[in-house]
Full PDB file with SEQRES, HELIX, SHEET, SSBOND, CRYST1, ORIGX, SCALE, CONECT and MASTER records, all heavy atoms in Angstrom:
SEQRES   1 A   30  LEU VAL MET ASN LEU GLY PRO LYS PRO PHE ARG LEU SER          
SEQRES   2 A   30  ALA SER ASP GLU LEU SER VAL ASN PHE GLU PRO ILE LEU          
SEQRES   3 A   30  PRO SER TYR PHE                                              
HELIX    1 AA1 VAL A    2  LEU A    5  1                                   4    
SHEET    1 AA1 2 PHE A  10  LEU A  12  0                                        
SHEET    2 AA1 2 LEU A  18  VAL A  20 -1                                        
CRYST1    1.000    1.000    1.000  90.00  90.00  90.00 P 1           1          
ORIGX1      1.000000  0.000000  0.000000        0.00000                         
ORIGX2      0.000000  1.000000  0.000000        0.00000                         
ORIGX3      0.000000  0.000000  1.000000        0.00000                         
SCALE1      1.000000  0.000000  0.000000        0.00000                         
SCALE2      0.000000  1.000000  0.000000        0.00000                         
SCALE3      0.000000  0.000000  1.000000        0.00000                         
ATOM      1  N   LEU A   1       0.815  -1.208  -0.002  1.00  0.00           N  
ATOM      2  CA  LEU A   1       0.002   0.008  -0.002  1.00  0.00           C  
ATOM      3  C   LEU A   1       0.864   1.266   0.001  1.00  0.00           C  
ATOM      4  O   LEU A   1       0.637   2.184  -0.770  1.00  0.00           O  
ATOM      5  CB  LEU A   1      -0.939   0.006   1.214  1.00  0.00           C  
ATOM      6  CG  LEU A   1      -1.834   1.224   1.347  1.00  0.00           C  
ATOM      7  CD1 LEU A   1      -2.801   1.316   0.188  1.00  0.00           C  
ATOM      8  CD2 LEU A   1      -2.591   1.149   2.668  1.00  0.00           C  
ATOM      9  N   VAL A   2       1.890   1.291   0.847  1.00  0.00           N  
ATOM     10  CA  VAL A   2       2.765   2.467   0.934  1.00  0.00           C  
ATOM     11  C   VAL A   2       3.523   2.667  -0.391  1.00  0.00           C  
ATOM     12  O   VAL A   2       3.635   3.794  -0.887  1.00  0.00           O  
ATOM     13  CB  VAL A   2       3.740   2.360   2.116  1.00  0.00           C  
ATOM     14  CG1 VAL A   2       4.794   3.466   2.076  1.00  0.00           C  
ATOM     15  CG2 VAL A   2       2.973   2.416   3.436  1.00  0.00           C  
ATOM     16  N   MET A   3       3.978   1.583  -0.995  1.00  0.00           N  
ATOM     17  CA  MET A   3       4.694   1.704  -2.269  1.00  0.00           C  
ATOM     18  C   MET A   3       3.789   2.245  -3.375  1.00  0.00           C  
ATOM     19  O   MET A   3       4.193   3.084  -4.196  1.00  0.00           O  
ATOM     20  CB  MET A   3       5.247   0.342  -2.693  1.00  0.00           C  
ATOM     21  CG  MET A   3       6.431  -0.117  -1.857  1.00  0.00           C  
ATOM     22  SD  MET A   3       6.972  -1.777  -2.283  1.00  0.00           S  
ATOM     23  CE  MET A   3       7.609  -1.516  -3.940  1.00  0.00           C  
ATOM     24  N   ASN A   4       2.541   1.787  -3.402  1.00  0.00           N  
ATOM     25  CA  ASN A   4       1.621   2.177  -4.491  1.00  0.00           C  
ATOM     26  C   ASN A   4       1.004   3.558  -4.326  1.00  0.00           C  
ATOM     27  O   ASN A   4       0.766   4.232  -5.311  1.00  0.00           O  
ATOM     28  CB  ASN A   4       0.535   1.121  -4.639  1.00  0.00           C  
ATOM     29  CG  ASN A   4       1.030  -0.105  -5.347  1.00  0.00           C  
ATOM     30  OD1 ASN A   4       1.493  -0.018  -6.472  1.00  0.00           O  
ATOM     31  ND2 ASN A   4       0.984  -1.232  -4.692  1.00  0.00           N  
ATOM     32  N   LEU A   5       0.724   3.960  -3.092  1.00  0.00           N  
ATOM     33  CA  LEU A   5       0.019   5.207  -2.878  1.00  0.00           C  
ATOM     34  C   LEU A   5       0.769   6.230  -2.050  1.00  0.00           C  
ATOM     35  O   LEU A   5       0.465   7.426  -2.067  1.00  0.00           O  
ATOM     36  CB  LEU A   5      -1.340   4.959  -2.224  1.00  0.00           C  
ATOM     37  CG  LEU A   5      -2.346   4.278  -3.117  1.00  0.00           C  
ATOM     38  CD1 LEU A   5      -3.569   3.824  -2.322  1.00  0.00           C  
ATOM     39  CD2 LEU A   5      -2.772   5.190  -4.247  1.00  0.00           C  
ATOM     40  N   GLY A   6       1.738   5.787  -1.264  1.00  0.00           N  
ATOM     41  CA  GLY A   6       2.451   6.680  -0.342  1.00  0.00           C  
ATOM     42  C   GLY A   6       2.017   6.414   1.088  1.00  0.00           C  
ATOM     43  O   GLY A   6       1.107   5.631   1.362  1.00  0.00           O  
ATOM     44  N   PRO A   7       2.670   7.076   2.045  1.00  0.00           N  
ATOM     45  CA  PRO A   7       2.437   6.769   3.454  1.00  0.00           C  
ATOM     46  C   PRO A   7       1.063   7.179   3.981  1.00  0.00           C  
ATOM     47  O   PRO A   7       0.554   6.554   4.916  1.00  0.00           O  
ATOM     48  CB  PRO A   7       3.547   7.547   4.191  1.00  0.00           C  
ATOM     49  CG  PRO A   7       3.980   8.588   3.210  1.00  0.00           C  
ATOM     50  CD  PRO A   7       3.718   8.045   1.841  1.00  0.00           C  
ATOM     51  N   LYS A   8       0.444   8.200   3.424  1.00  0.00           N  
ATOM     52  CA  LYS A   8      -0.874   8.664   3.890  1.00  0.00           C  
ATOM     53  C   LYS A   8      -1.757   8.987   2.682  1.00  0.00           C  
ATOM     54  O   LYS A   8      -1.930  10.149   2.369  1.00  0.00           O  
ATOM     55  CB  LYS A   8      -0.736   9.875   4.782  1.00  0.00           C  
ATOM     56  CG  LYS A   8      -0.155   9.596   6.123  1.00  0.00           C  
ATOM     57  CD  LYS A   8      -0.219  10.870   6.969  1.00  0.00           C  
ATOM     58  CE  LYS A   8       0.127  10.536   8.407  1.00  0.00           C  
ATOM     59  NZ  LYS A   8      -0.083  11.695   9.276  1.00  0.00           N  
ATOM     60  N   PRO A   9      -2.328   7.974   2.042  1.00  0.00           N  
ATOM     61  CA  PRO A   9      -3.099   8.254   0.837  1.00  0.00           C  
ATOM     62  C   PRO A   9      -4.396   9.046   1.100  1.00  0.00           C  
ATOM     63  O   PRO A   9      -4.759   9.893   0.306  1.00  0.00           O  
ATOM     64  CB  PRO A   9      -3.405   6.891   0.245  1.00  0.00           C  
ATOM     65  CG  PRO A   9      -3.191   5.928   1.357  1.00  0.00           C  
ATOM     66  CD  PRO A   9      -2.213   6.550   2.307  1.00  0.00           C  
ATOM     67  N   PHE A  10      -5.047   8.787   2.219  1.00  0.00           N  
ATOM     68  CA  PHE A  10      -6.275   9.513   2.557  1.00  0.00           C  
ATOM     69  C   PHE A  10      -5.983  10.464   3.704  1.00  0.00           C  
ATOM     70  O   PHE A  10      -5.411  10.051   4.717  1.00  0.00           O  
ATOM     71  CB  PHE A  10      -7.408   8.559   2.937  1.00  0.00           C  
ATOM     72  CG  PHE A  10      -7.889   7.754   1.770  1.00  0.00           C  
ATOM     73  CD1 PHE A  10      -7.406   6.496   1.512  1.00  0.00           C  
ATOM     74  CD2 PHE A  10      -8.835   8.281   0.898  1.00  0.00           C  
ATOM     75  CE1 PHE A  10      -7.875   5.747   0.424  1.00  0.00           C  
ATOM     76  CE2 PHE A  10      -9.292   7.569  -0.182  1.00  0.00           C  
ATOM     77  CZ  PHE A  10      -8.811   6.279  -0.418  1.00  0.00           C  
ATOM     78  N   ARG A  11      -6.383  11.711   3.548  1.00  0.00           N  
ATOM     79  CA  ARG A  11      -6.131  12.727   4.587  1.00  0.00           C  
ATOM     80  C   ARG A  11      -7.362  13.585   4.751  1.00  0.00           C  
ATOM     81  O   ARG A  11      -8.163  13.725   3.838  1.00  0.00           O  
ATOM     82  CB  ARG A  11      -4.959  13.610   4.184  1.00  0.00           C  
ATOM     83  CG  ARG A  11      -3.671  12.827   3.985  1.00  0.00           C  
ATOM     84  CD  ARG A  11      -2.547  13.695   3.505  1.00  0.00           C  
ATOM     85  NE  ARG A  11      -1.439  12.840   3.100  1.00  0.00           N  
ATOM     86  CZ  ARG A  11      -0.380  13.252   2.432  1.00  0.00           C  
ATOM     87  NH1 ARG A  11      -0.275  14.523   2.080  1.00  0.00           N  
ATOM     88  NH2 ARG A  11       0.586  12.426   2.107  1.00  0.00           N  
ATOM     89  N   LEU A  12      -7.470  14.164   5.935  1.00  0.00           N  
ATOM     90  CA  LEU A  12      -8.536  15.126   6.236  1.00  0.00           C  
ATOM     91  C   LEU A  12      -7.893  16.491   6.442  1.00  0.00           C  
ATOM     92  O   LEU A  12      -6.899  16.616   7.160  1.00  0.00           O  
ATOM     93  CB  LEU A  12      -9.305  14.747   7.502  1.00  0.00           C  
ATOM     94  CG  LEU A  12     -10.334  13.638   7.388  1.00  0.00           C  
ATOM     95  CD1 LEU A  12     -10.949  13.328   8.739  1.00  0.00           C  
ATOM     96  CD2 LEU A  12     -11.420  14.000   6.397  1.00  0.00           C  
ATOM     97  N   SER A  13      -8.475  17.514   5.821  1.00  0.00           N  
ATOM     98  CA  SER A  13      -8.010  18.882   6.017  1.00  0.00           C  
ATOM     99  C   SER A  13      -8.508  19.406   7.359  1.00  0.00           C  
ATOM    100  O   SER A  13      -9.301  18.761   8.045  1.00  0.00           O  
ATOM    101  CB  SER A  13      -8.502  19.761   4.875  1.00  0.00           C  
ATOM    102  OG  SER A  13      -9.897  19.954   4.996  1.00  0.00           O  
ATOM    103  N   ALA A  14      -8.065  20.591   7.722  1.00  0.00           N  
ATOM    104  CA  ALA A  14      -8.531  21.226   8.955  1.00  0.00           C  
ATOM    105  C   ALA A  14     -10.019  21.439   8.953  1.00  0.00           C  
ATOM    106  O   ALA A  14     -10.656  21.434  10.016  1.00  0.00           O  
ATOM    107  CB  ALA A  14      -7.814  22.561   9.155  1.00  0.00           C  
ATOM    108  N   SER A  15     -10.617  21.539   7.756  1.00  0.00           N  
ATOM    109  CA  SER A  15     -12.073  21.723   7.637  1.00  0.00           C  
ATOM    110  C   SER A  15     -12.788  20.389   7.405  1.00  0.00           C  
ATOM    111  O   SER A  15     -13.934  20.376   6.946  1.00  0.00           O  
ATOM    112  CB  SER A  15     -12.417  22.710   6.561  1.00  0.00           C  
ATOM    113  OG  SER A  15     -11.918  22.235   5.298  1.00  0.00           O  
ATOM    114  N   ASP A  16     -12.086  19.286   7.696  1.00  0.00           N  
ATOM    115  CA  ASP A  16     -12.653  17.901   7.578  1.00  0.00           C  
ATOM    116  C   ASP A  16     -13.007  17.537   6.130  1.00  0.00           C  
ATOM    117  O   ASP A  16     -13.933  16.769   5.903  1.00  0.00           O  
ATOM    118  CB  ASP A  16     -13.864  17.718   8.476  1.00  0.00           C  
ATOM    119  CG  ASP A  16     -13.464  17.549   9.922  1.00  0.00           C  
ATOM    120  OD1 ASP A  16     -12.303  17.198  10.187  1.00  0.00           O  
ATOM    121  OD2 ASP A  16     -14.337  17.773  10.805  1.00  0.00           O  
ATOM    122  N   GLU A  17     -12.296  18.084   5.167  1.00  0.00           N  
ATOM    123  CA  GLU A  17     -12.493  17.672   3.783  1.00  0.00           C  
ATOM    124  C   GLU A  17     -11.502  16.550   3.457  1.00  0.00           C  
ATOM    125  O   GLU A  17     -10.295  16.666   3.694  1.00  0.00           O  
ATOM    126  CB  GLU A  17     -12.274  18.834   2.815  1.00  0.00           C  
ATOM    127  CG  GLU A  17     -12.538  18.437   1.364  1.00  0.00           C  
ATOM    128  CD  GLU A  17     -12.381  19.588   0.406  1.00  0.00           C  
ATOM    129  OE1 GLU A  17     -13.333  20.390   0.297  1.00  0.00           O  
ATOM    130  OE2 GLU A  17     -11.326  19.657  -0.251  1.00  0.00           O  
ATOM    131  N   LEU A  18     -12.034  15.464   2.886  1.00  0.00           N  
ATOM    132  CA  LEU A  18     -11.212  14.321   2.523  1.00  0.00           C  
ATOM    133  C   LEU A  18     -10.413  14.614   1.262  1.00  0.00           C  
ATOM    134  O   LEU A  18     -10.903  15.261   0.342  1.00  0.00           O  
ATOM    135  CB  LEU A  18     -12.110  13.088   2.298  1.00  0.00           C  
ATOM    136  CG  LEU A  18     -11.406  11.790   1.936  1.00  0.00           C  
ATOM    137  CD1 LEU A  18     -10.634  11.255   3.141  1.00  0.00           C  
ATOM    138  CD2 LEU A  18     -12.420  10.760   1.436  1.00  0.00           C  
ATOM    139  N   SER A  19      -9.182  14.113   1.230  1.00  0.00           N  
ATOM    140  CA  SER A  19      -8.401  14.165  -0.012  1.00  0.00           C  
ATOM    141  C   SER A  19      -7.706  12.812  -0.184  1.00  0.00           C  
ATOM    142  O   SER A  19      -7.434  12.096   0.757  1.00  0.00           O  
ATOM    143  CB  SER A  19      -7.371  15.302   0.017  1.00  0.00           C  
ATOM    144  OG  SER A  19      -6.368  15.045   0.980  1.00  0.00           O  
ATOM    145  N   VAL A  20      -7.424  12.506  -1.453  1.00  0.00           N  
ATOM    146  CA  VAL A  20      -6.606  11.339  -1.808  1.00  0.00           C  
ATOM    147  C   VAL A  20      -5.338  11.855  -2.408  1.00  0.00           C  
ATOM    148  O   VAL A  20      -5.368  12.679  -3.344  1.00  0.00           O  
ATOM    149  CB  VAL A  20      -7.344  10.422  -2.839  1.00  0.00           C  
ATOM    150  CG1 VAL A  20      -6.497   9.179  -3.110  1.00  0.00           C  
ATOM    151  CG2 VAL A  20      -8.728  10.031  -2.349  1.00  0.00           C  
ATOM    152  N   ASN A  21      -4.199  11.396  -1.899  1.00  0.00           N  
ATOM    153  CA  ASN A  21      -2.887  11.875  -2.327  1.00  0.00           C  
ATOM    154  C   ASN A  21      -2.101  10.738  -2.954  1.00  0.00           C  
ATOM    155  O   ASN A  21      -1.929   9.691  -2.334  1.00  0.00           O  
ATOM    156  CB  ASN A  21      -2.107  12.412  -1.120  1.00  0.00           C  
ATOM    157  CG  ASN A  21      -2.855  13.543  -0.426  1.00  0.00           C  
ATOM    158  OD1 ASN A  21      -2.633  14.691  -0.717  1.00  0.00           O  
ATOM    159  ND2 ASN A  21      -3.774  13.192   0.456  1.00  0.00           N  
ATOM    160  N   PHE A  22      -1.662  10.934  -4.197  1.00  0.00           N  
ATOM    161  CA  PHE A  22      -0.899   9.908  -4.881  1.00  0.00           C  
ATOM    162  C   PHE A  22       0.584  10.237  -4.773  1.00  0.00           C  
ATOM    163  O   PHE A  22       1.063  11.197  -5.409  1.00  0.00           O  
ATOM    164  CB  PHE A  22      -1.349   9.824  -6.367  1.00  0.00           C  
ATOM    165  CG  PHE A  22      -2.718   9.250  -6.505  1.00  0.00           C  
ATOM    166  CD1 PHE A  22      -3.831  10.075  -6.436  1.00  0.00           C  
ATOM    167  CD2 PHE A  22      -2.903   7.896  -6.706  1.00  0.00           C  
ATOM    168  CE1 PHE A  22      -5.107   9.571  -6.576  1.00  0.00           C  
ATOM    169  CE2 PHE A  22      -4.174   7.390  -6.863  1.00  0.00           C  
ATOM    170  CZ  PHE A  22      -5.283   8.206  -6.778  1.00  0.00           C  
ATOM    171  N   GLU A  23       1.291   9.489  -3.944  1.00  0.00           N  
ATOM    172  CA  GLU A  23       2.719   9.699  -3.735  1.00  0.00           C  
ATOM    173  C   GLU A  23       3.428   8.337  -3.776  1.00  0.00           C  
ATOM    174  O   GLU A  23       3.962   7.877  -2.759  1.00  0.00           O  
ATOM    175  CB  GLU A  23       2.948  10.376  -2.355  1.00  0.00           C  
ATOM    176  CG  GLU A  23       2.314  11.714  -2.233  1.00  0.00           C  
ATOM    177  CD  GLU A  23       2.370  12.268  -0.817  1.00  0.00           C  
ATOM    178  OE1 GLU A  23       2.460  11.462   0.151  1.00  0.00           O  
ATOM    179  OE2 GLU A  23       2.346  13.498  -0.662  1.00  0.00           O  
ATOM    180  N   PRO A  24       3.464   7.697  -4.941  1.00  0.00           N  
ATOM    181  CA  PRO A  24       4.033   6.351  -5.017  1.00  0.00           C  
ATOM    182  C   PRO A  24       5.522   6.363  -4.689  1.00  0.00           C  
ATOM    183  O   PRO A  24       6.215   7.343  -4.888  1.00  0.00           O  
ATOM    184  CB  PRO A  24       3.790   5.946  -6.465  1.00  0.00           C  
ATOM    185  CG  PRO A  24       3.763   7.240  -7.212  1.00  0.00           C  
ATOM    186  CD  PRO A  24       3.085   8.223  -6.263  1.00  0.00           C  
ATOM    187  N   ILE A  25       5.977   5.222  -4.198  1.00  0.00           N  
ATOM    188  CA  ILE A  25       7.398   5.022  -3.911  1.00  0.00           C  
ATOM    189  C   ILE A  25       7.827   3.773  -4.670  1.00  0.00           C  
ATOM    190  O   ILE A  25       7.909   2.662  -4.099  1.00  0.00           O  
ATOM    191  CB  ILE A  25       7.614   4.869  -2.386  1.00  0.00           C  
ATOM    192  CG1 ILE A  25       7.032   6.051  -1.634  1.00  0.00           C  
ATOM    193  CG2 ILE A  25       9.110   4.715  -2.060  1.00  0.00           C  
ATOM    194  CD1 ILE A  25       6.965   5.872  -0.127  1.00  0.00           C  
ATOM    195  N   LEU A  26       8.041   3.931  -5.977  1.00  0.00           N  
ATOM    196  CA  LEU A  26       8.268   2.790  -6.857  1.00  0.00           C  
ATOM    197  C   LEU A  26       9.628   2.930  -7.563  1.00  0.00           C  
ATOM    198  O   LEU A  26       9.932   4.006  -8.088  1.00  0.00           O  
ATOM    199  CB  LEU A  26       7.166   2.702  -7.924  1.00  0.00           C  
ATOM    200  CG  LEU A  26       5.743   2.553  -7.404  1.00  0.00           C  
ATOM    201  CD1 LEU A  26       4.746   2.778  -8.530  1.00  0.00           C  
ATOM    202  CD2 LEU A  26       5.570   1.174  -6.772  1.00  0.00           C  
ATOM    203  N   PRO A  27      10.392   1.851  -7.644  1.00  0.00           N  
ATOM    204  CA  PRO A  27      11.634   1.884  -8.393  1.00  0.00           C  
ATOM    205  C   PRO A  27      11.347   1.846  -9.905  1.00  0.00           C  
ATOM    206  O   PRO A  27      10.315   1.334 -10.340  1.00  0.00           O  
ATOM    207  CB  PRO A  27      12.379   0.634  -7.944  1.00  0.00           C  
ATOM    208  CG  PRO A  27      11.316  -0.308  -7.501  1.00  0.00           C  
ATOM    209  CD  PRO A  27      10.197   0.564  -6.974  1.00  0.00           C  
ATOM    210  N   SER A  28      12.273   2.369 -10.676  1.00  0.00           N  
ATOM    211  CA  SER A  28      12.077   2.473 -12.127  1.00  0.00           C  
ATOM    212  C   SER A  28      11.858   1.105 -12.792  1.00  0.00           C  
ATOM    213  O   SER A  28      11.103   1.020 -13.766  1.00  0.00           O  
ATOM    214  CB  SER A  28      13.273   3.147 -12.763  1.00  0.00           C  
ATOM    215  OG  SER A  28      14.452   2.391 -12.528  1.00  0.00           O  
ATOM    216  N   TYR A  29      12.417   0.049 -12.225  1.00  0.00           N  
ATOM    217  CA  TYR A  29      12.283  -1.279 -12.885  1.00  0.00           C  
ATOM    218  C   TYR A  29      10.902  -1.890 -12.691  1.00  0.00           C  
ATOM    219  O   TYR A  29      10.626  -2.906 -13.290  1.00  0.00           O  
ATOM    220  CB  TYR A  29      13.411  -2.237 -12.431  1.00  0.00           C  
ATOM    221  CG  TYR A  29      13.443  -2.504 -10.966  1.00  0.00           C  
ATOM    222  CD1 TYR A  29      12.645  -3.470 -10.372  1.00  0.00           C  
ATOM    223  CD2 TYR A  29      14.342  -1.791 -10.135  1.00  0.00           C  
ATOM    224  CE1 TYR A  29      12.684  -3.725  -9.006  1.00  0.00           C  
ATOM    225  CE2 TYR A  29      14.401  -2.050  -8.770  1.00  0.00           C  
ATOM    226  CZ  TYR A  29      13.582  -3.002  -8.218  1.00  0.00           C  
ATOM    227  OH  TYR A  29      13.631  -3.276  -6.880  1.00  0.00           O  
ATOM    228  N   PHE A  30      10.033  -1.257 -11.911  1.00  0.00           N  
ATOM    229  CA  PHE A  30       8.661  -1.746 -11.772  1.00  0.00           C  
ATOM    230  C   PHE A  30       7.812  -1.398 -12.999  1.00  0.00           C  
ATOM    231  O   PHE A  30       6.757  -1.997 -13.219  1.00  0.00           O  
ATOM    232  CB  PHE A  30       7.985  -1.168 -10.543  1.00  0.00           C  
ATOM    233  CG  PHE A  30       8.193  -1.924  -9.280  1.00  0.00           C  
ATOM    234  CD1 PHE A  30       9.323  -2.710  -9.060  1.00  0.00           C  
ATOM    235  CD2 PHE A  30       7.260  -1.892  -8.268  1.00  0.00           C  
ATOM    236  CE1 PHE A  30       9.506  -3.392  -7.889  1.00  0.00           C  
ATOM    237  CE2 PHE A  30       7.425  -2.566  -7.081  1.00  0.00           C  
ATOM    238  CZ  PHE A  30       8.580  -3.340  -6.895  1.00  0.00           C  
TER     239      PHE A  30                                                      
MASTER        0    0    0    1    2    0    0    6  238    1    0    3          
END                                                                             
């Protein structure tokens, strides 16, 4: 999960708005 989406894919803002963050951690050979 962390490799594909990043450490915190779903987050809540200070105003409780949901966001999805795409921060993959993938090596080039994948």
